[in-house]
Structure formats: C-alpha cells, structure tokens
C-alpha cells in the first residue's frame, strides 16, 4: 500500500468519527474535473479541500492540482496540500474553529 494511501485511510477514518463534518473522497475517473483535491470537506459551514501527498518528498503537486487549489482559495474556500496526519487534523480543527 502506498504511503499516500495509508495517509488517506487514516484521514478518512478520522473524518468518519467527526459528527460535525461532511466529507467526500474524490476519484480521478475521467468524469470529474481533473486535479480536484483528494478530500472535499464541509466543516461548520466552511469549504475545505485537501490534496494529500506522501511525506517522503516524492509526492508532487501537479499543475492542474495547483490550479484547482488556487481557484478554491480565490473563491474564498480553503484549499491546501497536506502530507502529515497530525497536520491534517490541525487544519480541519482550525477550519472548524475548535483550535
């Protein structure tokens, strides 16, 4: 199992136990828009999109992913890249206003 998949599974497992969060895992299937971040989250009415990457420096943000991250931030949503589970939880909790 890839490092990114391990991170993704931990993040989704944590999200499943957050009663005040709605989320969805996107999938690159040729139907949805290219480069959409891995996780789309609604936390206390705030839109959050997170692109997960492996933490060994091999996780590269592709140009289309960066374009989508920039567009979400320009639309006043919150979008970022994350390669660490603890940082992921911090980002989500800060977005909810619980930190």
C-alpha atoms as a PDB file:
ATOM      1  CA  UNK A   1       0.000   0.000   0.000  1.00  0.00           C
ATOM      2  CA  UNK A   2       1.408   3.405  -0.945  1.00  0.00           C
ATOM      3  CA  UNK A   3       2.300   5.987   1.681  1.00  0.00           C
ATOM      4  CA  UNK A   4      -0.307   8.329   0.241  1.00  0.00           C
ATOM      5  CA  UNK A   5      -3.000   5.628   0.525  1.00  0.00           C
ATOM      6  CA  UNK A   6      -2.011   4.981   4.153  1.00  0.00           C
ATOM      7  CA  UNK A   7      -2.342   8.716   4.902  1.00  0.00           C
ATOM      8  CA  UNK A   8      -5.641   8.855   3.041  1.00  0.00           C
ATOM      9  CA  UNK A   9      -7.058   5.913   5.004  1.00  0.00           C
ATOM     10  CA  UNK A  10      -6.030   7.493   8.336  1.00  0.00           C
ATOM     11  CA  UNK A  11      -7.580  10.832   7.381  1.00  0.00           C
ATOM     12  CA  UNK A  12     -10.842   9.263   6.205  1.00  0.00           C
ATOM     13  CA  UNK A  13     -11.004   7.066   9.307  1.00  0.00           C
ATOM     14  CA  UNK A  14     -10.651  10.154  11.484  1.00  0.00           C
ATOM     15  CA  UNK A  15     -13.231  12.108   9.470  1.00  0.00           C
ATOM     16  CA  UNK A  16     -15.765   9.281   9.866  1.00  0.00           C
ATOM     17  CA  UNK A  17     -15.683   9.884  13.625  1.00  0.00           C
ATOM     18  CA  UNK A  18     -16.325  13.632  13.393  1.00  0.00           C
ATOM     19  CA  UNK A  19     -20.100  14.148  13.738  1.00  0.00           C
ATOM     20  CA  UNK A  20     -19.960  17.807  12.688  1.00  0.00           C
ATOM     21  CA  UNK A  21     -18.132  17.219   9.384  1.00  0.00           C
ATOM     22  CA  UNK A  22     -19.356  16.225   5.949  1.00  0.00           C
ATOM     23  CA  UNK A  23     -16.723  14.944   3.528  1.00  0.00           C
ATOM     24  CA  UNK A  24     -16.208  13.068   0.312  1.00  0.00           C
ATOM     25  CA  UNK A  25     -13.228  11.352  -1.260  1.00  0.00           C
ATOM     26  CA  UNK A  26     -12.802  12.303  -4.893  1.00  0.00           C
ATOM     27  CA  UNK A  27     -11.585   9.897  -7.528  1.00  0.00           C
ATOM     28  CA  UNK A  28      -9.789  10.508 -10.783  1.00  0.00           C
ATOM     29  CA  UNK A  29     -12.066   8.638 -13.132  1.00  0.00           C
ATOM     30  CA  UNK A  30     -12.133  10.713 -16.300  1.00  0.00           C
ATOM     31  CA  UNK A  31     -15.603  12.003 -15.428  1.00  0.00           C
ATOM     32  CA  UNK A  32     -14.893  14.542 -12.706  1.00  0.00           C
ATOM     33  CA  UNK A  33     -12.807  17.639 -13.283  1.00  0.00           C
ATOM     34  CA  UNK A  34      -9.073  16.894 -13.431  1.00  0.00           C
ATOM     35  CA  UNK A  35      -6.898  17.822 -10.465  1.00  0.00           C
ATOM     36  CA  UNK A  36      -9.649  18.113  -7.849  1.00  0.00           C
ATOM     37  CA  UNK A  37      -8.178  17.726  -4.338  1.00  0.00           C
ATOM     38  CA  UNK A  38      -8.465  14.289  -2.719  1.00  0.00           C
ATOM     39  CA  UNK A  39     -10.836  15.272   0.093  1.00  0.00           C
ATOM     40  CA  UNK A  40     -13.693  17.774  -0.046  1.00  0.00           C
ATOM     41  CA  UNK A  41     -14.864  18.708   3.435  1.00  0.00           C
ATOM     42  CA  UNK A  42     -17.566  20.913   4.900  1.00  0.00           C
ATOM     43  CA  UNK A  43     -16.689  21.809   8.486  1.00  0.00           C
ATOM     44  CA  UNK A  44     -19.033  24.133  10.378  1.00  0.00           C
ATOM     45  CA  UNK A  45     -20.140  25.705   7.099  1.00  0.00           C
ATOM     46  CA  UNK A  46     -16.627  26.198   5.754  1.00  0.00           C
ATOM     47  CA  UNK A  47     -15.459  24.657   2.490  1.00  0.00           C
ATOM     48  CA  UNK A  48     -12.152  22.829   2.768  1.00  0.00           C
ATOM     49  CA  UNK A  49     -10.325  20.881   0.050  1.00  0.00           C
ATOM     50  CA  UNK A  50      -7.161  18.940   0.844  1.00  0.00           C
ATOM     51  CA  UNK A  51      -4.755  17.326  -1.582  1.00  0.00           C
ATOM     52  CA  UNK A  52      -2.943  14.520   0.211  1.00  0.00           C
ATOM     53  CA  UNK A  53       0.665  13.744  -0.661  1.00  0.00           C
ATOM     54  CA  UNK A  54       3.198  11.265   0.645  1.00  0.00           C
ATOM     55  CA  UNK A  55       5.675  12.656   3.177  1.00  0.00           C
ATOM     56  CA  UNK A  56       8.899  11.439   1.585  1.00  0.00           C
ATOM     57  CA  UNK A  57       9.312  14.228  -0.954  1.00  0.00           C
ATOM     58  CA  UNK A  58       8.041  12.054  -3.796  1.00  0.00           C
ATOM     59  CA  UNK A  59       4.512  13.425  -3.649  1.00  0.00           C
ATOM     60  CA  UNK A  60       4.415  16.072  -6.372  1.00  0.00           C
ATOM     61  CA  UNK A  61       1.614  18.583  -6.801  1.00  0.00           C
ATOM     62  CA  UNK A  62       0.761  18.533 -10.481  1.00  0.00           C
ATOM     63  CA  UNK A  63      -0.006  21.823 -12.257  1.00  0.00           C
ATOM     64  CA  UNK A  64      -3.717  21.017 -12.644  1.00  0.00           C
ATOM     65  CA  UNK A  65      -3.938  20.283  -8.905  1.00  0.00           C
ATOM     66  CA  UNK A  66      -2.287  23.598  -8.077  1.00  0.00           C
ATOM     67  CA  UNK A  67      -4.656  25.444 -10.424  1.00  0.00           C
ATOM     68  CA  UNK A  68      -7.649  23.928  -8.592  1.00  0.00           C
ATOM     69  CA  UNK A  69      -6.158  24.751  -5.182  1.00  0.00           C
ATOM     70  CA  UNK A  70      -5.636  28.353  -6.297  1.00  0.00           C
ATOM     71  CA  UNK A  71      -9.172  28.601  -7.717  1.00  0.00           C
ATOM     72  CA  UNK A  72     -10.710  27.309  -4.488  1.00  0.00           C
ATOM     73  CA  UNK A  73      -8.698  29.778  -2.398  1.00  0.00           C
ATOM     74  CA  UNK A  74      -9.620  32.616  -4.790  1.00  0.00           C
ATOM     75  CA  UNK A  75     -13.287  31.672  -4.318  1.00  0.00           C
ATOM     76  CA  UNK A  76     -12.819  32.127  -0.540  1.00  0.00           C
ATOM     77  CA  UNK A  77     -12.750  28.405   0.207  1.00  0.00           C
ATOM     78  CA  UNK A  78      -9.771  26.817   1.920  1.00  0.00           C
ATOM     79  CA  UNK A  79      -7.541  24.507  -0.100  1.00  0.00           C
ATOM     80  CA  UNK A  80      -4.101  23.139   0.648  1.00  0.00           C
ATOM     81  CA  UNK A  81      -1.690  20.248   0.295  1.00  0.00           C
ATOM     82  CA  UNK A  82      -1.014  18.063   3.323  1.00  0.00           C
ATOM     83  CA  UNK A  83       1.476  15.234   3.868  1.00  0.00           C
ATOM     84  CA  UNK A  84       1.060  14.582   7.587  1.00  0.00           C
ATOM     85  CA  UNK A  85      -1.844  13.115   9.576  1.00  0.00           C
ATOM     86  CA  UNK A  86      -1.409  15.339  12.638  1.00  0.00           C
ATOM     87  CA  UNK A  87      -1.211  18.411  10.399  1.00  0.00           C
ATOM     88  CA  UNK A  88      -4.362  17.228   8.616  1.00  0.00           C
ATOM     89  CA  UNK A  89      -6.277  17.100  11.904  1.00  0.00           C
ATOM     90  CA  UNK A  90      -4.969  20.543  12.842  1.00  0.00           C
ATOM     91  CA  UNK A  91      -6.078  22.023   9.504  1.00  0.00           C
ATOM     92  CA  UNK A  92      -9.574  20.571   9.876  1.00  0.00           C
ATOM     93  CA  UNK A  93      -9.910  21.619  13.524  1.00  0.00           C
ATOM     94  CA  UNK A  94      -8.674  25.140  12.776  1.00  0.00           C
ATOM     95  CA  UNK A  95     -11.213  25.370   9.962  1.00  0.00           C
ATOM     96  CA  UNK A  96     -13.966  24.303  12.372  1.00  0.00           C
ATOM     97  CA  UNK A  97     -12.750  26.854  14.873  1.00  0.00           C
ATOM     98  CA  UNK A  98     -12.044  24.235  17.538  1.00  0.00           C
ATOM     99  CA  UNK A  99      -8.350  25.092  17.947  1.00  0.00           C
END
